[in-house]
Amino acid sequence: MALTPLNALHQFLAVARHRSFAAAAAELGVSASALSHTVRQLEERLGVPLLSRTTRSVAVTAAGRRLVEQAGPGVAQALGALKDASARPGEVTGALRLTLPSTALPFVLAPLLASFRERHPQVELDLVVENRKADIVAEGFDAGIRLEEYLERDMVAVRIAPPFRFIVVGTPEYLERHGTPVKPKDLLQHDCFTYRSSNTGALLPWDLEKGSRTWRLPVRGTVTTNDERVWLGLAEAGLGLAYVLESQVEAQLKAGTLRRVLEEYAASVPGLFLYFPSRAQVSPALRAFLEHARQVLTPPSRRKGR
C-alpha cells in the first residue's frame, strides 16, 4: 500500500478534533467540501471508515480513534518541528493546546499567562475552558489542567498549584433568615445550589471533612448548573448556599458580604496538576509551559512531579 499523505492525515485529525467539517475547514483554510473529499480518499486508501457522518454531527469510529491516538501526537510533533526549524537559537515556538476547568482560572490566568507570553512570545496558545473531563489524546490537546481525582492512571501529572480548600458560603442575610448550619447534615435542610457534571449529567455531592471523617452530602436546591459562577452570583444575592473554591470569594469574605459556613469541615484538595500522555513526546512549547508554571505557581518546597 502506498504511503498515506501526511496532509490528508493532518486534515482528518482536525475533523476528529473539532467533530465538525466546517470548523476544521475554517482552521485549515480550505472548503468543507474539499476537506470531506480528502478524508473520503484517506478512508478509501485505508479501507476502513474513520468518521461516522450524519446531517447534524460527525463522530469518530473505532478505527478513527485508533488512528488519532497513534498518529495524533506524532503529527503534532512533526508540525512543531517545522516551526522550530525556523526559530532563532534558544527561542521556543509552536502551538500549545490546553484544556482546563473554570476553577483553574484564578491560578492560571493572571499569575501565569501574561508572564509566559512575555517570555515565549512565539508560542501560540489555545486554551479551552470547560468543566468536563476531556480526552486529551482524541481531542488533540497537548495537555490539561485538572484536580488529581480526575486524572487517568496512564498520564504524567505534575503539580502546578498547592493544596486549597472548598468551602460553603452564604450571605449574612440568608443565614439570619434560615439559620446557620452547625453540622454537615444540616445542609440537607437548606437551599444549596448544585452542580451537574458535564460528563455524566449526575448531580455532584458536597464533600466535607474533619479529621479522619468525611461526608458526601447529596444536597439539593432550586438551581442546578455546570458553572460555579452562576451559583456564586445566586449566593451573593442571598438566595442560598454555595460550595466554592475559597480563593474565588476572598474579596467577598473580606468585605463581609459572604460568610464561611461549617469552616471546620472545609474539604482540602491536593492542588492542580498539569497532565499529559505518558507515551507522547513532550513538545518544546509544552516543556516551556510546564517549567514556567512550576516556577511561577508553585512554592520551591512543593516543586515535585508526581
Protein backbone atom coordinates (compact mmCIF):
# COMPACT_ATOMS: atom_id res chain seq x y z
CA MET A 1 0.00 0.00 0.00
CA ALA A 2 1.30 3.45 -0.88
CA LEU A 3 2.17 5.77 1.96
CA THR A 4 -0.73 7.90 3.19
CA PRO A 5 -0.04 11.60 2.54
CA LEU A 6 0.63 13.49 5.72
CA ASN A 7 -1.58 16.39 4.67
CA ALA A 8 -4.59 14.05 4.42
CA LEU A 9 -3.82 12.65 7.85
CA HIS A 10 -3.44 16.17 9.24
CA GLN A 11 -6.82 17.16 7.82
CA PHE A 12 -8.53 14.08 9.22
CA LEU A 13 -7.09 14.83 12.66
CA ALA A 14 -8.53 18.36 12.50
CA VAL A 15 -12.01 17.00 11.72
CA ALA A 16 -11.72 14.43 14.50
CA ARG A 17 -10.67 17.12 16.97
CA HIS A 18 -13.49 19.52 16.09
CA ARG A 19 -16.14 16.84 15.36
CA SER A 20 -17.08 19.17 12.52
CA PHE A 21 -16.05 19.59 8.88
CA ALA A 22 -16.98 23.26 8.89
CA ALA A 23 -14.90 24.10 11.97
CA ALA A 24 -11.94 22.05 10.74
CA ALA A 25 -12.14 23.64 7.30
CA ALA A 26 -12.08 27.11 8.87
CA GLU A 27 -8.97 26.18 10.86
CA LEU A 28 -7.18 24.72 7.84
CA GLY A 29 -8.23 27.40 5.38
CA VAL A 30 -9.93 25.03 2.93
CA SER A 31 -13.52 24.43 1.90
CA ALA A 32 -15.64 21.91 3.78
CA SER A 33 -16.34 20.01 0.56
CA ALA A 34 -12.64 19.72 -0.29
CA LEU A 35 -11.93 18.57 3.24
CA SER A 36 -14.67 15.94 3.06
CA HIS A 37 -13.25 14.67 -0.24
CA THR A 38 -9.76 14.40 1.24
CA VAL A 39 -10.99 12.41 4.23
CA ARG A 40 -13.01 10.07 1.99
CA GLN A 41 -9.89 9.43 -0.10
CA LEU A 42 -7.99 8.61 3.07
CA GLU A 43 -10.75 6.21 4.17
CA GLU A 44 -10.69 4.52 0.75
CA ARG A 45 -6.91 4.17 0.89
CA LEU A 46 -7.08 2.59 4.35
CA GLY A 47 -10.16 0.51 3.59
CA VAL A 48 -11.98 1.47 6.81
CA PRO A 49 -14.40 4.27 7.79
CA LEU A 50 -12.74 6.81 10.05
CA LEU A 51 -15.74 9.05 10.61
CA SER A 52 -19.45 8.44 11.04
CA ARG A 53 -21.35 11.27 9.36
CA THR A 54 -24.94 12.42 9.80
CA THR A 55 -26.65 15.62 8.71
CA ARG A 56 -26.12 17.05 12.20
CA SER A 57 -22.92 15.60 13.57
CA VAL A 58 -19.60 13.90 12.95
CA ALA A 59 -18.32 11.09 15.19
CA VAL A 60 -15.04 9.21 15.15
CA THR A 61 -15.25 5.47 14.53
CA ALA A 62 -13.22 2.88 16.45
CA ALA A 63 -10.68 2.77 13.61
CA GLY A 64 -10.57 6.56 13.51
CA ARG A 65 -9.98 6.73 17.24
CA ARG A 66 -7.05 4.32 16.98
CA LEU A 67 -5.57 6.47 14.23
CA VAL A 68 -6.00 9.61 16.34
CA GLU A 69 -4.35 8.01 19.36
CA GLN A 70 -1.44 6.53 17.43
CA ALA A 71 -0.77 9.24 14.85
CA GLY A 72 -2.02 12.40 16.53
CA PRO A 73 0.96 13.02 18.85
CA GLY A 74 3.42 12.28 16.05
CA VAL A 75 1.79 14.66 13.58
CA ALA A 76 1.66 17.39 16.23
CA GLN A 77 5.33 16.80 16.95
CA ALA A 78 6.20 16.99 13.25
CA LEU A 79 4.30 20.25 12.78
CA GLY A 80 6.01 21.68 15.84
CA ALA A 81 9.40 20.64 14.49
CA LEU A 82 8.72 22.52 11.25
CA LYS A 83 8.04 25.69 13.22
CA ASP A 84 11.06 25.14 15.43
CA ALA A 85 13.31 24.81 12.39
CA SER A 86 12.82 28.50 11.60
CA ALA A 87 13.24 29.67 15.19
CA ARG A 88 16.26 31.57 16.43
CA PRO A 89 18.63 29.66 18.73
CA GLY A 90 17.10 29.33 22.18
CA GLU A 91 13.66 30.59 21.04
CA VAL A 92 10.64 28.39 21.78
CA THR A 93 7.98 28.24 19.05
CA GLY A 94 4.99 26.11 18.21
CA ALA A 95 1.39 25.75 19.36
CA LEU A 96 0.12 24.66 22.77
CA ARG A 97 -3.49 23.50 23.19
CA LEU A 98 -4.70 23.09 26.78
CA THR A 99 -7.98 22.08 28.41
CA LEU A 100 -8.74 23.41 31.89
CA PRO A 101 -11.77 23.90 34.15
CA SER A 102 -13.04 27.31 35.18
CA THR A 103 -11.91 26.62 38.77
CA ALA A 104 -8.32 26.70 37.49
CA LEU A 105 -8.62 30.21 36.06
CA PRO A 106 -7.67 32.09 39.26
CA PHE A 107 -4.47 30.01 39.42
CA VAL A 108 -3.60 30.21 35.73
CA LEU A 109 -4.77 33.39 34.03
CA ALA A 110 -3.43 36.33 35.98
CA PRO A 111 -0.34 34.80 37.59
CA LEU A 112 0.86 32.68 34.69
CA LEU A 113 -0.27 33.51 31.17
CA ALA A 114 0.92 37.10 30.93
CA SER A 115 4.42 36.23 32.10
CA PHE A 116 4.54 33.13 29.89
CA ARG A 117 3.56 35.15 26.82
CA GLU A 118 6.21 37.74 27.67
CA ARG A 119 8.88 35.07 28.00
CA HIS A 120 7.78 32.98 24.98
CA PRO A 121 6.00 35.31 22.52
CA GLN A 122 6.30 32.86 19.60
CA VAL A 123 4.21 30.13 21.28
CA GLU A 124 0.59 30.07 20.10
CA LEU A 125 -1.78 29.30 22.98
CA ASP A 126 -5.20 27.68 22.52
CA LEU A 127 -6.99 27.47 25.89
CA VAL A 128 -10.30 25.57 26.06
CA VAL A 129 -12.13 26.30 29.33
CA GLU A 130 -14.71 23.59 30.07
CA ASN A 131 -15.91 21.78 33.13
CA ARG A 132 -15.96 18.32 31.60
CA LYS A 133 -13.38 15.57 31.51
CA ALA A 134 -11.79 15.79 28.07
CA ASP A 135 -9.98 13.00 26.22
CA ILE A 136 -6.84 14.99 25.54
CA VAL A 137 -5.43 12.48 23.04
CA ALA A 138 -8.56 12.03 20.94
CA GLU A 139 -9.41 15.73 21.04
CA GLY A 140 -5.98 16.97 20.08
CA PHE A 141 -4.89 18.61 23.34
CA ASP A 142 -1.24 18.77 24.28
CA ALA A 143 -2.08 18.73 27.98
CA GLY A 144 -4.74 19.54 30.53
CA ILE A 145 -5.07 21.04 33.98
CA ARG A 146 -7.27 19.21 36.48
CA LEU A 147 -7.68 18.18 40.09
CA GLU A 148 -5.85 14.98 40.97
CA GLU A 149 -9.05 12.94 41.34
CA TYR A 150 -9.86 13.45 37.65
CA LEU A 151 -6.51 12.23 36.29
CA GLU A 152 -6.18 8.99 34.36
CA ARG A 153 -3.61 6.48 35.59
CA ASP A 154 -1.66 6.49 32.32
CA MET A 155 -0.98 10.22 32.49
CA VAL A 156 2.13 12.03 33.62
CA ALA A 157 0.99 14.61 36.18
CA VAL A 158 2.98 17.50 37.65
CA ARG A 159 1.67 19.65 40.45
CA ILE A 160 1.46 23.31 39.48
CA ALA A 161 -0.62 24.70 42.37
CA PRO A 162 -0.55 23.96 46.11
CA PRO A 163 -3.45 22.41 48.08
CA PHE A 164 -6.53 24.56 48.57
CA ARG A 165 -9.98 24.32 50.13
CA PHE A 166 -13.58 24.18 49.00
CA ILE A 167 -15.90 25.96 51.41
CA VAL A 168 -19.61 26.54 51.90
CA VAL A 169 -20.67 30.19 51.85
CA GLY A 170 -23.83 32.25 52.30
CA THR A 171 -24.76 35.86 52.92
CA PRO A 172 -25.36 37.14 56.47
CA GLU A 173 -28.96 37.89 55.46
CA TYR A 174 -29.60 34.33 54.25
CA LEU A 175 -28.09 32.85 57.40
CA GLU A 176 -30.15 35.16 59.60
CA ARG A 177 -33.36 34.13 57.84
CA HIS A 178 -32.70 30.39 57.62
CA GLY A 179 -30.23 29.70 60.39
CA THR A 180 -26.56 28.74 60.26
CA PRO A 181 -25.74 25.03 59.79
CA VAL A 182 -23.68 23.64 62.66
CA LYS A 183 -23.29 20.03 61.42
CA PRO A 184 -22.81 18.71 57.86
CA LYS A 185 -26.23 17.04 57.80
CA ASP A 186 -27.86 20.44 58.45
CA LEU A 187 -27.07 21.35 54.83
CA LEU A 188 -29.77 18.91 53.72
CA GLN A 189 -32.34 21.34 55.10
CA HIS A 190 -31.00 24.32 53.15
CA ASP A 191 -31.30 25.59 49.59
CA CYS A 192 -27.93 24.54 48.18
CA PHE A 193 -27.02 25.36 44.59
CA THR A 194 -25.98 22.12 42.94
CA TYR A 195 -23.52 21.26 40.21
CA ARG A 196 -24.36 18.92 37.33
CA SER A 197 -21.44 17.02 35.82
CA SER A 198 -20.89 17.87 32.15
CA ASN A 199 -19.62 14.31 31.60
CA THR A 200 -22.20 12.16 33.38
CA GLY A 201 -25.13 14.50 33.94
CA ALA A 202 -25.19 13.49 37.61
CA LEU A 203 -25.58 15.95 40.47
CA LEU A 204 -22.35 16.09 42.43
CA PRO A 205 -22.43 15.85 46.22
CA TRP A 206 -20.68 18.29 48.52
CA ASP A 207 -17.57 16.83 50.17
CA LEU A 208 -16.79 17.84 53.74
CA GLU A 209 -14.19 16.52 56.16
CA LYS A 210 -12.99 16.84 59.72
CA GLY A 211 -10.00 14.90 60.95
CA SER A 212 -10.31 11.36 59.60
CA ARG A 213 -14.07 11.62 58.97
CA THR A 214 -15.55 12.57 55.62
CA TRP A 215 -19.07 13.38 54.39
CA ARG A 216 -20.53 13.22 50.87
CA LEU A 217 -23.78 15.11 51.13
CA PRO A 218 -26.47 14.80 48.42
CA VAL A 219 -27.54 18.41 48.83
CA ARG A 220 -30.38 19.80 46.77
CA GLY A 221 -31.63 23.24 45.85
CA THR A 222 -33.78 25.20 43.45
CA VAL A 223 -30.99 25.85 40.93
CA THR A 224 -28.68 23.37 39.21
CA THR A 225 -25.87 24.41 36.85
CA ASN A 226 -22.49 23.32 35.49
CA ASP A 227 -20.87 26.73 36.03
CA GLU A 228 -19.88 27.84 39.53
CA ARG A 229 -20.17 31.50 38.53
CA VAL A 230 -23.95 31.06 38.38
CA TRP A 231 -24.38 29.70 41.87
CA LEU A 232 -21.86 32.17 43.28
CA GLY A 233 -23.98 35.02 41.94
CA LEU A 234 -27.11 33.48 43.43
CA ALA A 235 -25.39 33.02 46.77
CA GLU A 236 -24.28 36.66 46.73
CA ALA A 237 -27.92 37.59 46.13
CA GLY A 238 -28.85 35.81 49.38
CA LEU A 239 -30.83 33.03 47.72
CA GLY A 240 -28.99 30.03 49.14
CA LEU A 241 -25.67 28.39 49.96
CA ALA A 242 -22.84 27.70 47.52
CA TYR A 243 -19.86 25.32 47.56
CA VAL A 244 -16.91 27.22 46.11
CA LEU A 245 -13.17 27.40 45.81
CA GLU A 246 -12.01 29.55 48.73
CA SER A 247 -9.82 31.77 46.58
CA GLN A 248 -12.84 32.68 44.44
CA VAL A 249 -14.52 34.51 47.30
CA GLU A 250 -11.60 36.11 49.13
CA ALA A 251 -12.85 39.62 48.36
CA GLN A 252 -16.43 38.86 49.47
CA LEU A 253 -15.26 37.20 52.67
CA LYS A 254 -13.03 40.16 53.49
CA ALA A 255 -15.88 42.61 52.81
CA GLY A 256 -18.32 40.54 54.86
CA THR A 257 -20.84 40.10 52.04
CA LEU A 258 -20.34 36.33 52.29
CA ARG A 259 -19.57 34.19 55.31
CA ARG A 260 -17.98 30.78 55.65
CA VAL A 261 -20.33 28.04 56.82
CA LEU A 262 -19.06 24.92 58.61
CA GLU A 263 -15.49 26.14 58.15
CA GLU A 264 -14.09 23.42 60.41
CA TYR A 265 -15.47 20.89 57.89
CA ALA A 266 -13.94 22.53 54.80
CA ALA A 267 -12.54 19.94 52.38
CA SER A 268 -8.96 20.24 51.16
CA VAL A 269 -7.76 19.01 47.77
CA PRO A 270 -4.13 18.29 46.79
CA GLY A 271 -3.99 21.12 44.26
CA LEU A 272 -3.96 21.39 40.48
CA PHE A 273 -1.92 19.23 38.14
CA LEU A 274 -0.73 19.72 34.58
CA TYR A 275 -1.07 16.33 32.89
CA PHE A 276 -0.25 14.81 29.51
CA PRO A 277 0.01 11.32 27.98
CA SER A 278 2.98 9.31 29.18
CA ARG A 279 3.53 7.85 25.71
CA ALA A 280 3.68 11.24 23.99
CA GLN A 281 6.90 13.10 23.35
CA VAL A 282 6.75 16.45 25.11
CA SER A 283 6.95 19.35 22.67
CA PRO A 284 9.27 22.30 23.34
CA ALA A 285 6.20 24.54 23.87
CA LEU A 286 4.70 22.20 26.48
CA ARG A 287 8.07 21.74 28.18
CA ALA A 288 8.49 25.51 28.41
CA PHE A 289 4.95 25.96 29.76
CA LEU A 290 5.45 23.23 32.35
CA GLU A 291 8.69 24.69 33.61
CA HIS A 292 7.26 28.20 33.70
CA ALA A 293 4.15 27.03 35.56
CA ARG A 294 6.18 25.24 38.19
CA GLN A 295 8.39 28.30 38.69
CA VAL A 296 5.56 30.83 38.90
CA LEU A 297 2.74 28.94 40.61
CA THR A 298 4.43 26.52 42.98
CA PRO A 299 6.48 27.40 46.05
CA PRO A 300 10.01 25.91 45.96
CA SER A 301 9.17 23.38 48.71
CA ARG A 302 6.43 21.86 46.52
CA ARG A 303 8.13 21.74 43.13
CA LYS A 304 7.93 18.00 42.77
CA GLY A 305 6.41 15.90 39.98
CA ARG A 306 4.15 13.03 40.76
